[in-house]
């Protein structure tokens, strides 16, 4: 049986506002992460890995794994630069999903 096609909607939130980044799949609403939320999550994850890598109360293996992951994990600058590039490229046909990252960690209207 084929999946029910999804459609972009703006469902009403409990406070009466509209969630502008959600999809209805069949009868279920799936809230999607906004670019600024994803940016903040990546930045906070890096901070967590840095903290974990230096926490001597953690086993050495955990600290070593955190350091290993940090070797190629984007910095806050990297993520925000990617967001700036994506925001500036919105008028170009680079993808149908829109930006992955934002140039900051808080919401701002474009």
C-alpha atoms as a PDB file:
ATOM      1  CA  UNK A   1       0.000   0.000   0.000  1.00  0.00           C
ATOM      2  CA  UNK A   2       1.559   3.348  -0.994  1.00  0.00           C
ATOM      3  CA  UNK A   3       2.291   5.918   1.703  1.00  0.00           C
ATOM      4  CA  UNK A   4      -0.114   8.790   2.018  1.00  0.00           C
ATOM      5  CA  UNK A   5       1.518  11.835   0.445  1.00  0.00           C
ATOM      6  CA  UNK A   6       2.608  14.559   2.810  1.00  0.00           C
ATOM      7  CA  UNK A   7       1.639  18.188   2.497  1.00  0.00           C
ATOM      8  CA  UNK A   8       3.121  21.342   3.989  1.00  0.00           C
ATOM      9  CA  UNK A   9       0.774  22.968   6.472  1.00  0.00           C
ATOM     10  CA  UNK A  10       0.776  25.586   9.177  1.00  0.00           C
ATOM     11  CA  UNK A  11      -1.006  23.915  12.121  1.00  0.00           C
ATOM     12  CA  UNK A  12      -2.242  25.929  15.084  1.00  0.00           C
ATOM     13  CA  UNK A  13      -0.135  25.691  18.247  1.00  0.00           C
ATOM     14  CA  UNK A  14      -1.632  25.605  21.790  1.00  0.00           C
ATOM     15  CA  UNK A  15      -0.907  29.335  22.216  1.00  0.00           C
ATOM     16  CA  UNK A  16      -2.927  30.140  19.083  1.00  0.00           C
ATOM     17  CA  UNK A  17       0.110  30.805  16.870  1.00  0.00           C
ATOM     18  CA  UNK A  18       0.936  28.700  13.840  1.00  0.00           C
ATOM     19  CA  UNK A  19       3.820  26.232  13.598  1.00  0.00           C
ATOM     20  CA  UNK A  20       5.232  27.088  10.181  1.00  0.00           C
ATOM     21  CA  UNK A  21       7.478  24.069   9.820  1.00  0.00           C
ATOM     22  CA  UNK A  22       5.313  20.967  10.117  1.00  0.00           C
ATOM     23  CA  UNK A  23       4.132  18.252   7.789  1.00  0.00           C
ATOM     24  CA  UNK A  24       0.951  16.196   7.850  1.00  0.00           C
ATOM     25  CA  UNK A  25       1.748  12.595   6.955  1.00  0.00           C
ATOM     26  CA  UNK A  26      -1.487  10.665   6.653  1.00  0.00           C
ATOM     27  CA  UNK A  27      -3.397  11.716   9.761  1.00  0.00           C
ATOM     28  CA  UNK A  28      -0.328  12.436  11.907  1.00  0.00           C
ATOM     29  CA  UNK A  29       1.301  15.836  12.261  1.00  0.00           C
ATOM     30  CA  UNK A  30       5.094  15.669  12.329  1.00  0.00           C
ATOM     31  CA  UNK A  31       6.824  18.782  13.662  1.00  0.00           C
ATOM     32  CA  UNK A  32      10.065  19.520  11.917  1.00  0.00           C
ATOM     33  CA  UNK A  33      13.145  21.196  13.325  1.00  0.00           C
ATOM     34  CA  UNK A  34      13.656  24.821  12.308  1.00  0.00           C
ATOM     35  CA  UNK A  35      17.134  25.801  11.047  1.00  0.00           C
ATOM     36  CA  UNK A  36      17.891  27.922  14.156  1.00  0.00           C
ATOM     37  CA  UNK A  37      16.865  25.007  16.411  1.00  0.00           C
ATOM     38  CA  UNK A  38      19.153  22.637  14.503  1.00  0.00           C
ATOM     39  CA  UNK A  39      21.990  25.176  14.680  1.00  0.00           C
ATOM     40  CA  UNK A  40      21.553  25.548  18.433  1.00  0.00           C
ATOM     41  CA  UNK A  41      21.447  21.743  18.893  1.00  0.00           C
ATOM     42  CA  UNK A  42      24.700  21.257  16.948  1.00  0.00           C
ATOM     43  CA  UNK A  43      26.445  24.062  18.866  1.00  0.00           C
ATOM     44  CA  UNK A  44      25.238  22.662  22.205  1.00  0.00           C
ATOM     45  CA  UNK A  45      26.289  19.145  21.205  1.00  0.00           C
ATOM     46  CA  UNK A  46      29.809  20.368  20.511  1.00  0.00           C
ATOM     47  CA  UNK A  47      29.867  22.108  23.901  1.00  0.00           C
ATOM     48  CA  UNK A  48      28.711  18.867  25.535  1.00  0.00           C
ATOM     49  CA  UNK A  49      31.442  16.859  23.785  1.00  0.00           C
ATOM     50  CA  UNK A  50      34.079  19.388  24.886  1.00  0.00           C
ATOM     51  CA  UNK A  51      32.838  19.161  28.473  1.00  0.00           C
ATOM     52  CA  UNK A  52      32.683  15.364  28.308  1.00  0.00           C
ATOM     53  CA  UNK A  53      36.197  15.079  26.855  1.00  0.00           C
ATOM     54  CA  UNK A  54      37.655  16.886  29.859  1.00  0.00           C
ATOM     55  CA  UNK A  55      35.520  15.332  32.615  1.00  0.00           C
ATOM     56  CA  UNK A  56      37.926  13.209  34.658  1.00  0.00           C
ATOM     57  CA  UNK A  57      35.011  11.548  36.460  1.00  0.00           C
ATOM     58  CA  UNK A  58      34.144   9.815  33.171  1.00  0.00           C
ATOM     59  CA  UNK A  59      35.935   6.664  32.010  1.00  0.00           C
ATOM     60  CA  UNK A  60      38.937   7.260  29.735  1.00  0.00           C
ATOM     61  CA  UNK A  61      37.173   5.477  26.862  1.00  0.00           C
ATOM     62  CA  UNK A  62      34.274   7.969  27.002  1.00  0.00           C
ATOM     63  CA  UNK A  63      36.647  10.947  27.083  1.00  0.00           C
ATOM     64  CA  UNK A  64      38.688   9.478  24.210  1.00  0.00           C
ATOM     65  CA  UNK A  65      35.543   8.905  22.126  1.00  0.00           C
ATOM     66  CA  UNK A  66      34.397  12.493  22.761  1.00  0.00           C
ATOM     67  CA  UNK A  67      37.809  13.812  21.626  1.00  0.00           C
ATOM     68  CA  UNK A  68      37.642  11.583  18.538  1.00  0.00           C
ATOM     69  CA  UNK A  69      34.199  12.939  17.610  1.00  0.00           C
ATOM     70  CA  UNK A  70      35.354  16.527  18.161  1.00  0.00           C
ATOM     71  CA  UNK A  71      38.162  16.138  15.602  1.00  0.00           C
ATOM     72  CA  UNK A  72      35.655  16.512  12.749  1.00  0.00           C
ATOM     73  CA  UNK A  73      32.712  18.127  14.504  1.00  0.00           C
ATOM     74  CA  UNK A  74      31.839  21.603  13.184  1.00  0.00           C
ATOM     75  CA  UNK A  75      32.599  24.614  15.353  1.00  0.00           C
ATOM     76  CA  UNK A  76      29.938  27.224  16.082  1.00  0.00           C
ATOM     77  CA  UNK A  77      31.616  29.408  13.445  1.00  0.00           C
ATOM     78  CA  UNK A  78      31.429  26.587  10.862  1.00  0.00           C
ATOM     79  CA  UNK A  79      27.730  25.984  11.499  1.00  0.00           C
ATOM     80  CA  UNK A  80      26.794  29.665  11.428  1.00  0.00           C
ATOM     81  CA  UNK A  81      28.846  30.236   8.270  1.00  0.00           C
ATOM     82  CA  UNK A  82      27.002  27.340   6.619  1.00  0.00           C
ATOM     83  CA  UNK A  83      23.749  28.969   7.738  1.00  0.00           C
ATOM     84  CA  UNK A  84      24.747  32.320   6.238  1.00  0.00           C
ATOM     85  CA  UNK A  85      25.611  30.668   2.929  1.00  0.00           C
ATOM     86  CA  UNK A  86      22.318  28.767   2.890  1.00  0.00           C
ATOM     87  CA  UNK A  87      20.291  31.866   3.797  1.00  0.00           C
ATOM     88  CA  UNK A  88      21.931  33.862   1.018  1.00  0.00           C
ATOM     89  CA  UNK A  89      21.394  31.045  -1.467  1.00  0.00           C
ATOM     90  CA  UNK A  90      17.640  30.750  -0.824  1.00  0.00           C
ATOM     91  CA  UNK A  91      16.860  32.361  -4.164  1.00  0.00           C
ATOM     92  CA  UNK A  92      18.983  29.789  -5.988  1.00  0.00           C
ATOM     93  CA  UNK A  93      17.609  26.356  -6.923  1.00  0.00           C
ATOM     94  CA  UNK A  94      19.987  24.474  -4.584  1.00  0.00           C
ATOM     95  CA  UNK A  95      17.408  22.248  -2.951  1.00  0.00           C
ATOM     96  CA  UNK A  96      13.774  21.814  -2.117  1.00  0.00           C
ATOM     97  CA  UNK A  97      14.242  21.400   1.635  1.00  0.00           C
ATOM     98  CA  UNK A  98      15.491  24.880   2.399  1.00  0.00           C
ATOM     99  CA  UNK A  99      18.339  25.727   4.742  1.00  0.00           C
ATOM    100  CA  UNK A 100      19.703  23.085   7.089  1.00  0.00           C
ATOM    101  CA  UNK A 101      21.439  25.568   9.403  1.00  0.00           C
ATOM    102  CA  UNK A 102      20.843  29.179  10.403  1.00  0.00           C
ATOM    103  CA  UNK A 103      23.377  31.963  10.855  1.00  0.00           C
ATOM    104  CA  UNK A 104      22.426  32.169  14.542  1.00  0.00           C
ATOM    105  CA  UNK A 105      20.944  30.079  17.333  1.00  0.00           C
ATOM    106  CA  UNK A 106      17.788  32.139  17.817  1.00  0.00           C
ATOM    107  CA  UNK A 107      14.898  32.608  15.392  1.00  0.00           C
ATOM    108  CA  UNK A 108      14.999  35.594  13.081  1.00  0.00           C
ATOM    109  CA  UNK A 109      12.701  36.270  10.182  1.00  0.00           C
ATOM    110  CA  UNK A 110      14.428  36.512   6.832  1.00  0.00           C
END
